[in-house]
N, C-alpha and C. Protein backbone atom coordinates (compact mmCIF):
# COMPACT_ATOMS: atom_id res chain seq x y z
N MET A 1 -24.69 2.76 -13.13
CA MET A 1 -23.80 2.97 -11.99
C MET A 1 -22.53 3.66 -12.47
N ARG A 2 -22.16 4.72 -11.79
CA ARG A 2 -20.91 5.44 -12.10
C ARG A 2 -19.90 5.13 -11.01
N ARG A 3 -18.75 4.59 -11.45
CA ARG A 3 -17.70 4.19 -10.51
C ARG A 3 -16.44 5.00 -10.77
N LEU A 4 -15.82 5.42 -9.68
CA LEU A 4 -14.62 6.22 -9.79
C LEU A 4 -13.51 5.58 -8.96
N GLY A 5 -12.34 5.49 -9.53
CA GLY A 5 -11.16 5.00 -8.81
C GLY A 5 -10.07 6.03 -8.88
N ILE A 6 -9.43 6.28 -7.76
CA ILE A 6 -8.34 7.27 -7.69
C ILE A 6 -7.14 6.63 -7.02
N ASP A 7 -5.97 6.86 -7.61
CA ASP A 7 -4.70 6.43 -7.00
C ASP A 7 -3.85 7.67 -6.81
N VAL A 8 -3.52 7.98 -5.57
CA VAL A 8 -2.68 9.13 -5.25
C VAL A 8 -1.25 8.63 -5.12
N GLY A 9 -0.40 9.09 -5.99
CA GLY A 9 1.01 8.71 -5.95
C GLY A 9 1.88 9.90 -5.58
N GLY A 10 3.16 9.67 -5.50
CA GLY A 10 4.08 10.72 -5.13
C GLY A 10 4.22 11.80 -6.18
N THR A 11 4.05 11.45 -7.46
CA THR A 11 4.19 12.41 -8.56
C THR A 11 2.85 12.73 -9.20
N PHE A 12 2.04 11.70 -9.45
CA PHE A 12 0.77 11.90 -10.14
C PHE A 12 -0.39 11.32 -9.34
N THR A 13 -1.56 11.89 -9.57
CA THR A 13 -2.82 11.36 -9.07
C THR A 13 -3.58 10.88 -10.30
N ASP A 14 -3.91 9.59 -10.32
CA ASP A 14 -4.61 9.00 -11.46
C ASP A 14 -6.07 8.77 -11.11
N LEU A 15 -6.95 9.08 -12.04
CA LEU A 15 -8.38 8.92 -11.84
C LEU A 15 -8.96 8.15 -13.02
N VAL A 16 -9.84 7.20 -12.72
CA VAL A 16 -10.56 6.45 -13.74
C VAL A 16 -12.04 6.50 -13.39
N LEU A 17 -12.86 6.87 -14.37
CA LEU A 17 -14.30 6.95 -14.19
C LEU A 17 -14.96 6.01 -15.19
N TYR A 18 -15.84 5.13 -14.70
CA TYR A 18 -16.53 4.19 -15.58
C TYR A 18 -18.04 4.29 -15.35
N ASP A 19 -18.77 4.36 -16.45
CA ASP A 19 -20.23 4.43 -16.40
C ASP A 19 -20.79 3.13 -16.96
N ASP A 20 -21.48 2.35 -16.12
CA ASP A 20 -22.04 1.06 -16.54
C ASP A 20 -23.11 1.21 -17.61
N GLU A 21 -23.86 2.28 -17.58
CA GLU A 21 -24.95 2.46 -18.53
C GLU A 21 -24.47 2.82 -19.93
N THR A 22 -23.53 3.76 -19.99
CA THR A 22 -23.03 4.22 -21.31
C THR A 22 -21.78 3.46 -21.75
N LEU A 23 -21.20 2.68 -20.84
CA LEU A 23 -19.93 1.95 -21.08
C LEU A 23 -18.77 2.90 -21.36
N GLU A 24 -18.93 4.12 -20.92
CA GLU A 24 -17.88 5.13 -21.11
C GLU A 24 -16.79 4.98 -20.04
N LEU A 25 -15.55 5.03 -20.50
CA LEU A 25 -14.39 4.98 -19.61
C LEU A 25 -13.58 6.25 -19.83
N ARG A 26 -13.41 7.01 -18.75
CA ARG A 26 -12.64 8.26 -18.83
C ARG A 26 -11.48 8.19 -17.85
N ARG A 27 -10.35 8.75 -18.27
CA ARG A 27 -9.15 8.74 -17.44
C ARG A 27 -8.56 10.13 -17.36
N CYS A 28 -7.85 10.35 -16.26
CA CYS A 28 -7.21 11.64 -16.06
C CYS A 28 -5.97 11.45 -15.19
N LYS A 29 -4.97 12.26 -15.43
CA LYS A 29 -3.76 12.26 -14.62
C LYS A 29 -3.49 13.70 -14.22
N ALA A 30 -3.34 13.93 -12.93
CA ALA A 30 -3.06 15.28 -12.42
C ALA A 30 -1.80 15.20 -11.55
N LEU A 31 -1.13 16.31 -11.44
CA LEU A 31 0.06 16.34 -10.57
C LEU A 31 -0.36 16.22 -9.11
N SER A 32 0.36 15.40 -8.37
CA SER A 32 0.15 15.32 -6.92
C SER A 32 0.84 16.48 -6.25
N VAL A 33 0.35 16.88 -5.10
CA VAL A 33 0.93 17.99 -4.36
C VAL A 33 1.51 17.43 -3.07
N PRO A 34 2.84 17.47 -2.90
CA PRO A 34 3.44 16.95 -1.67
C PRO A 34 2.82 17.61 -0.44
N ASN A 35 2.57 16.81 0.57
CA ASN A 35 1.98 17.24 1.84
C ASN A 35 0.51 17.67 1.74
N ARG A 36 -0.06 17.66 0.53
CA ARG A 36 -1.48 18.00 0.36
C ARG A 36 -2.07 17.13 -0.75
N PRO A 37 -2.13 15.80 -0.53
CA PRO A 37 -2.59 14.90 -1.59
C PRO A 37 -4.02 15.16 -2.05
N GLU A 38 -4.84 15.77 -1.20
CA GLU A 38 -6.22 16.05 -1.59
C GLU A 38 -6.30 17.03 -2.76
N GLU A 39 -5.29 17.88 -2.91
CA GLU A 39 -5.31 18.84 -4.01
C GLU A 39 -5.18 18.14 -5.36
N GLY A 40 -4.38 17.08 -5.43
CA GLY A 40 -4.28 16.30 -6.66
C GLY A 40 -5.59 15.62 -6.99
N VAL A 41 -6.28 15.12 -5.97
CA VAL A 41 -7.59 14.48 -6.16
C VAL A 41 -8.59 15.51 -6.69
N LEU A 42 -8.65 16.67 -6.07
CA LEU A 42 -9.60 17.71 -6.50
C LEU A 42 -9.28 18.19 -7.92
N ALA A 43 -8.01 18.29 -8.27
CA ALA A 43 -7.63 18.71 -9.62
C ALA A 43 -8.06 17.67 -10.65
N ALA A 44 -7.89 16.40 -10.34
CA ALA A 44 -8.30 15.34 -11.27
C ALA A 44 -9.82 15.32 -11.43
N LEU A 45 -10.55 15.49 -10.34
CA LEU A 45 -12.01 15.54 -10.40
C LEU A 45 -12.47 16.73 -11.26
N ALA A 46 -11.82 17.86 -11.08
CA ALA A 46 -12.19 19.06 -11.85
C ALA A 46 -11.87 18.87 -13.34
N ALA A 47 -10.75 18.22 -13.64
CA ALA A 47 -10.37 18.01 -15.04
C ALA A 47 -11.39 17.16 -15.78
N LEU A 48 -12.03 16.22 -15.09
CA LEU A 48 -13.05 15.38 -15.72
C LEU A 48 -14.46 15.90 -15.47
N ASP A 49 -14.57 17.03 -14.78
CA ASP A 49 -15.86 17.63 -14.47
C ASP A 49 -16.78 16.62 -13.77
N VAL A 50 -16.26 16.04 -12.69
CA VAL A 50 -16.99 15.02 -11.94
C VAL A 50 -17.46 15.61 -10.61
N GLU A 51 -18.73 15.42 -10.31
CA GLU A 51 -19.29 15.80 -9.02
C GLU A 51 -19.42 14.54 -8.17
N LEU A 52 -18.92 14.58 -6.95
CA LEU A 52 -18.95 13.40 -6.08
C LEU A 52 -20.37 12.89 -5.84
N ARG A 53 -21.33 13.77 -5.76
CA ARG A 53 -22.71 13.34 -5.50
C ARG A 53 -23.30 12.55 -6.65
N GLU A 54 -22.69 12.60 -7.84
CA GLU A 54 -23.16 11.86 -9.00
C GLU A 54 -22.65 10.42 -9.02
N LEU A 55 -21.75 10.09 -8.11
CA LEU A 55 -21.09 8.77 -8.13
C LEU A 55 -21.85 7.75 -7.30
N ASP A 56 -21.81 6.51 -7.76
CA ASP A 56 -22.37 5.40 -6.99
C ASP A 56 -21.30 4.70 -6.17
N LEU A 57 -20.06 4.78 -6.64
CA LEU A 57 -18.96 4.10 -5.95
C LEU A 57 -17.70 4.94 -6.09
N PHE A 58 -17.00 5.15 -4.99
CA PHE A 58 -15.74 5.90 -4.96
C PHE A 58 -14.69 5.00 -4.34
N MET A 59 -13.66 4.67 -5.09
CA MET A 59 -12.57 3.82 -4.57
C MET A 59 -11.28 4.64 -4.56
N HIS A 60 -10.53 4.50 -3.48
CA HIS A 60 -9.31 5.27 -3.32
C HIS A 60 -8.15 4.35 -2.95
N GLY A 61 -7.03 4.60 -3.55
CA GLY A 61 -5.82 3.87 -3.20
C GLY A 61 -4.65 4.84 -3.23
N THR A 62 -3.56 4.45 -2.62
CA THR A 62 -2.39 5.31 -2.63
C THR A 62 -1.13 4.48 -2.62
N THR A 63 -0.11 5.01 -3.28
CA THR A 63 1.21 4.38 -3.24
C THR A 63 2.18 5.22 -2.42
N LEU A 64 1.65 6.24 -1.76
CA LEU A 64 2.52 7.13 -0.98
C LEU A 64 3.30 6.38 0.09
N VAL A 65 2.60 5.57 0.88
CA VAL A 65 3.27 4.84 1.97
C VAL A 65 4.20 3.78 1.40
N THR A 66 3.76 3.09 0.35
CA THR A 66 4.61 2.09 -0.28
C THR A 66 5.92 2.72 -0.72
N ASN A 67 5.84 3.88 -1.34
CA ASN A 67 7.06 4.57 -1.79
C ASN A 67 7.95 4.96 -0.62
N LEU A 68 7.35 5.42 0.48
CA LEU A 68 8.15 5.79 1.65
C LEU A 68 8.93 4.58 2.18
N VAL A 69 8.27 3.43 2.23
CA VAL A 69 8.92 2.23 2.73
C VAL A 69 10.02 1.79 1.77
N LEU A 70 9.69 1.72 0.48
CA LEU A 70 10.67 1.25 -0.50
C LEU A 70 11.88 2.16 -0.62
N LEU A 71 11.65 3.46 -0.53
CA LEU A 71 12.75 4.42 -0.62
C LEU A 71 13.45 4.63 0.72
N ARG A 72 12.88 4.06 1.78
CA ARG A 72 13.44 4.15 3.13
C ARG A 72 13.55 5.61 3.60
N THR A 73 12.53 6.40 3.27
CA THR A 73 12.55 7.81 3.65
C THR A 73 11.52 8.13 4.72
N GLY A 74 10.71 7.17 5.11
CA GLY A 74 9.68 7.41 6.10
C GLY A 74 10.11 6.97 7.48
N ALA A 75 9.16 6.81 8.33
CA ALA A 75 9.40 6.37 9.71
C ALA A 75 9.80 4.89 9.72
N ARG A 76 10.35 4.46 10.82
CA ARG A 76 10.68 3.05 11.01
C ARG A 76 9.38 2.27 11.05
N VAL A 77 9.32 1.17 10.31
CA VAL A 77 8.08 0.41 10.22
C VAL A 77 8.26 -1.00 10.75
N GLY A 78 7.14 -1.62 11.10
CA GLY A 78 7.11 -3.02 11.49
C GLY A 78 6.30 -3.79 10.47
N LEU A 79 6.31 -5.10 10.59
CA LEU A 79 5.58 -5.96 9.66
C LEU A 79 4.81 -7.00 10.44
N LEU A 80 3.51 -7.04 10.22
CA LEU A 80 2.66 -8.08 10.78
C LEU A 80 2.34 -9.02 9.63
N THR A 81 2.70 -10.29 9.78
CA THR A 81 2.54 -11.24 8.68
C THR A 81 2.02 -12.57 9.21
N THR A 82 1.58 -13.40 8.31
CA THR A 82 1.12 -14.73 8.66
C THR A 82 2.31 -15.57 9.11
N SER A 83 2.10 -16.39 10.11
CA SER A 83 3.15 -17.26 10.62
C SER A 83 3.76 -18.08 9.49
N GLY A 84 5.09 -18.12 9.45
CA GLY A 84 5.80 -18.85 8.41
C GLY A 84 6.36 -17.95 7.32
N PHE A 85 5.93 -16.69 7.30
CA PHE A 85 6.38 -15.76 6.26
C PHE A 85 7.26 -14.64 6.82
N GLU A 86 7.69 -14.77 8.06
CA GLU A 86 8.48 -13.70 8.71
C GLU A 86 9.78 -13.40 7.98
N ASP A 87 10.39 -14.41 7.37
CA ASP A 87 11.71 -14.24 6.75
C ASP A 87 11.64 -13.96 5.25
N LEU A 88 10.46 -13.74 4.74
CA LEU A 88 10.30 -13.50 3.31
C LEU A 88 11.13 -12.31 2.84
N LEU A 89 11.23 -11.27 3.66
CA LEU A 89 12.00 -10.09 3.27
C LEU A 89 13.50 -10.37 3.23
N ASP A 90 13.97 -11.34 4.01
CA ASP A 90 15.39 -11.69 3.99
C ASP A 90 15.75 -12.51 2.75
N ILE A 91 14.82 -13.29 2.27
CA ILE A 91 15.11 -14.15 1.12
C ILE A 91 15.43 -13.32 -0.11
N GLN A 92 14.68 -12.27 -0.34
CA GLN A 92 14.92 -11.32 -1.43
C GLN A 92 15.10 -12.00 -2.78
N LEU A 93 14.18 -12.85 -3.16
CA LEU A 93 14.23 -13.41 -4.51
C LEU A 93 14.03 -12.27 -5.49
N THR A 94 14.86 -12.21 -6.49
CA THR A 94 14.78 -11.11 -7.44
C THR A 94 15.34 -11.54 -8.78
N TYR A 95 14.97 -10.82 -9.78
CA TYR A 95 15.54 -11.04 -11.10
C TYR A 95 16.49 -9.89 -11.36
N ARG A 96 17.77 -10.19 -11.31
CA ARG A 96 18.79 -9.17 -11.48
C ARG A 96 19.24 -9.10 -12.93
N ASP A 97 19.72 -7.92 -13.33
CA ASP A 97 20.24 -7.76 -14.69
C ASP A 97 21.47 -8.64 -14.90
N GLU A 98 22.25 -8.79 -13.88
CA GLU A 98 23.48 -9.59 -13.95
C GLU A 98 23.39 -10.73 -12.93
N PRO A 99 22.70 -11.83 -13.27
CA PRO A 99 22.49 -12.89 -12.28
C PRO A 99 23.77 -13.59 -11.81
N TYR A 100 24.84 -13.47 -12.55
CA TYR A 100 26.09 -14.15 -12.16
C TYR A 100 27.11 -13.18 -11.58
N ASP A 101 26.69 -11.99 -11.21
CA ASP A 101 27.59 -10.99 -10.64
C ASP A 101 27.97 -11.40 -9.22
N LEU A 102 29.21 -11.79 -9.04
CA LEU A 102 29.67 -12.23 -7.72
C LEU A 102 29.88 -11.07 -6.75
N GLN A 103 29.84 -9.85 -7.26
CA GLN A 103 30.02 -8.68 -6.41
C GLN A 103 28.69 -8.12 -5.90
N TRP A 104 27.57 -8.73 -6.33
CA TRP A 104 26.25 -8.24 -5.94
C TRP A 104 26.09 -8.33 -4.44
N GLU A 105 25.60 -7.26 -3.85
CA GLU A 105 25.37 -7.25 -2.40
C GLU A 105 23.88 -7.14 -2.13
N LYS A 106 23.41 -8.01 -1.29
CA LYS A 106 22.00 -8.00 -0.90
C LYS A 106 21.74 -6.77 -0.04
N ARG A 107 20.66 -6.06 -0.35
CA ARG A 107 20.30 -4.89 0.44
C ARG A 107 19.73 -5.31 1.79
N ALA A 108 19.79 -4.42 2.73
CA ALA A 108 19.18 -4.69 4.03
C ALA A 108 17.67 -4.83 3.84
N PRO A 109 17.03 -5.74 4.57
CA PRO A 109 15.58 -5.91 4.43
C PRO A 109 14.84 -4.62 4.74
N LEU A 110 13.68 -4.45 4.13
CA LEU A 110 12.88 -3.24 4.37
C LEU A 110 12.44 -3.13 5.83
N VAL A 111 12.24 -4.27 6.49
CA VAL A 111 11.85 -4.29 7.89
C VAL A 111 12.81 -5.23 8.62
N PRO A 112 13.55 -4.73 9.61
CA PRO A 112 14.48 -5.58 10.35
C PRO A 112 13.74 -6.73 11.05
N GLY A 113 14.41 -7.85 11.21
CA GLY A 113 13.80 -9.03 11.82
C GLY A 113 13.17 -8.76 13.18
N ALA A 114 13.78 -7.90 13.96
CA ALA A 114 13.26 -7.61 15.30
C ALA A 114 11.92 -6.89 15.26
N LEU A 115 11.57 -6.31 14.12
CA LEU A 115 10.32 -5.56 14.01
C LEU A 115 9.26 -6.32 13.21
N ARG A 116 9.45 -7.64 13.08
CA ARG A 116 8.47 -8.47 12.38
C ARG A 116 7.71 -9.31 13.40
N LEU A 117 6.41 -9.38 13.21
CA LEU A 117 5.57 -10.14 14.12
C LEU A 117 4.72 -11.11 13.32
N ALA A 118 4.79 -12.39 13.68
CA ALA A 118 3.99 -13.41 13.01
C ALA A 118 2.70 -13.61 13.76
N SER A 119 1.66 -13.85 13.02
CA SER A 119 0.35 -14.11 13.61
C SER A 119 -0.13 -15.47 13.13
N SER A 120 -0.64 -16.27 14.06
CA SER A 120 -1.16 -17.57 13.67
C SER A 120 -2.61 -17.49 13.25
N SER A 121 -3.17 -16.29 13.29
CA SER A 121 -4.57 -16.15 12.93
C SER A 121 -4.74 -16.10 11.42
N GLY A 122 -5.92 -16.43 10.99
CA GLY A 122 -6.28 -16.38 9.59
C GLY A 122 -7.74 -16.02 9.49
N SER A 123 -8.26 -16.01 8.30
CA SER A 123 -9.68 -15.67 8.15
C SER A 123 -10.45 -16.84 7.58
N ARG A 124 -11.62 -17.07 8.16
CA ARG A 124 -12.52 -18.11 7.68
C ARG A 124 -13.43 -17.55 6.60
N ARG A 125 -13.90 -16.36 6.81
CA ARG A 125 -14.74 -15.65 5.85
C ARG A 125 -14.55 -14.17 6.16
N PRO A 126 -14.97 -13.29 5.29
CA PRO A 126 -14.72 -11.86 5.52
C PRO A 126 -15.14 -11.39 6.92
N GLY A 127 -14.18 -10.82 7.62
CA GLY A 127 -14.46 -10.26 8.93
C GLY A 127 -14.39 -11.23 10.08
N ARG A 128 -14.11 -12.50 9.84
CA ARG A 128 -14.06 -13.50 10.90
C ARG A 128 -12.67 -14.11 10.98
N CYS A 129 -12.04 -14.01 12.14
CA CYS A 129 -10.71 -14.58 12.34
C CYS A 129 -10.82 -15.98 12.92
N SER A 130 -9.87 -16.85 12.56
CA SER A 130 -9.92 -18.22 13.05
C SER A 130 -9.24 -18.38 14.40
N SER A 131 -8.32 -17.50 14.75
CA SER A 131 -7.69 -17.54 16.08
C SER A 131 -7.17 -16.16 16.41
N ARG A 132 -6.77 -15.98 17.66
CA ARG A 132 -6.30 -14.66 18.08
C ARG A 132 -4.79 -14.57 18.06
N SER A 133 -4.31 -13.38 17.80
CA SER A 133 -2.87 -13.10 17.83
C SER A 133 -2.50 -12.67 19.25
N THR A 134 -1.27 -12.94 19.63
CA THR A 134 -0.80 -12.51 20.95
C THR A 134 -0.02 -11.23 20.78
N ARG A 135 -0.71 -10.21 20.32
CA ARG A 135 -0.08 -8.94 19.98
C ARG A 135 0.60 -8.27 21.17
N ARG A 136 -0.07 -8.18 22.30
CA ARG A 136 0.48 -7.46 23.44
C ARG A 136 1.78 -8.10 23.92
N GLY A 137 1.80 -9.42 24.06
CA GLY A 137 3.01 -10.11 24.50
C GLY A 137 4.13 -9.99 23.48
N SER A 138 3.80 -10.04 22.22
CA SER A 138 4.82 -9.93 21.17
C SER A 138 5.42 -8.54 21.13
N ARG A 139 4.59 -7.52 21.32
CA ARG A 139 5.11 -6.15 21.35
C ARG A 139 6.10 -5.97 22.47
N ARG A 140 5.73 -6.46 23.65
CA ARG A 140 6.60 -6.30 24.81
C ARG A 140 7.91 -7.04 24.57
N ARG A 141 7.82 -8.24 24.01
CA ARG A 141 9.00 -9.06 23.78
C ARG A 141 9.93 -8.40 22.75
N ARG A 142 9.39 -7.77 21.74
CA ARG A 142 10.20 -7.20 20.68
C ARG A 142 10.54 -5.73 20.93
N GLY A 143 9.95 -5.13 21.95
CA GLY A 143 10.25 -3.74 22.26
C GLY A 143 9.61 -2.75 21.31
N VAL A 144 8.47 -3.12 20.74
CA VAL A 144 7.77 -2.24 19.80
C VAL A 144 6.63 -1.57 20.54
N SER A 145 6.50 -0.28 20.37
CA SER A 145 5.38 0.42 20.98
C SER A 145 4.34 0.72 19.93
N SER A 146 3.12 1.01 20.37
CA SER A 146 2.05 1.28 19.42
C SER A 146 1.99 2.75 19.03
N SER A 147 2.81 3.59 19.60
CA SER A 147 2.72 5.02 19.27
C SER A 147 3.72 5.41 18.21
């Protein structure tokens, strides 16, 4: 079995190819192309001379959206979380270089409280929810649209 994993980031696209039969592990790093992430993927595939039809498993991940949220350069976002964890972003537990700095200022949360929605649902097994969320009523109450 040949397995391929790709992570598309803001600067680099990382590729890892593993062959179960030969135990060979190959890695590649290619430059990502802003606004055209597929070009970084194709460049990494070409660098390792990999044909997609030869693969048994293709896994893809990206840190592009994570970076947009963390850098606060993307669109306004909301957070859907399990009930009881809505305020986790406000707590901001962190390990600071200067833990006793009295001048330290807490940054604004990545998602404002008004744009957080708690769900009482959970999963019993893959693909099965234990209860339903009241998404429509919560959206109306918080003024969040789906578009």
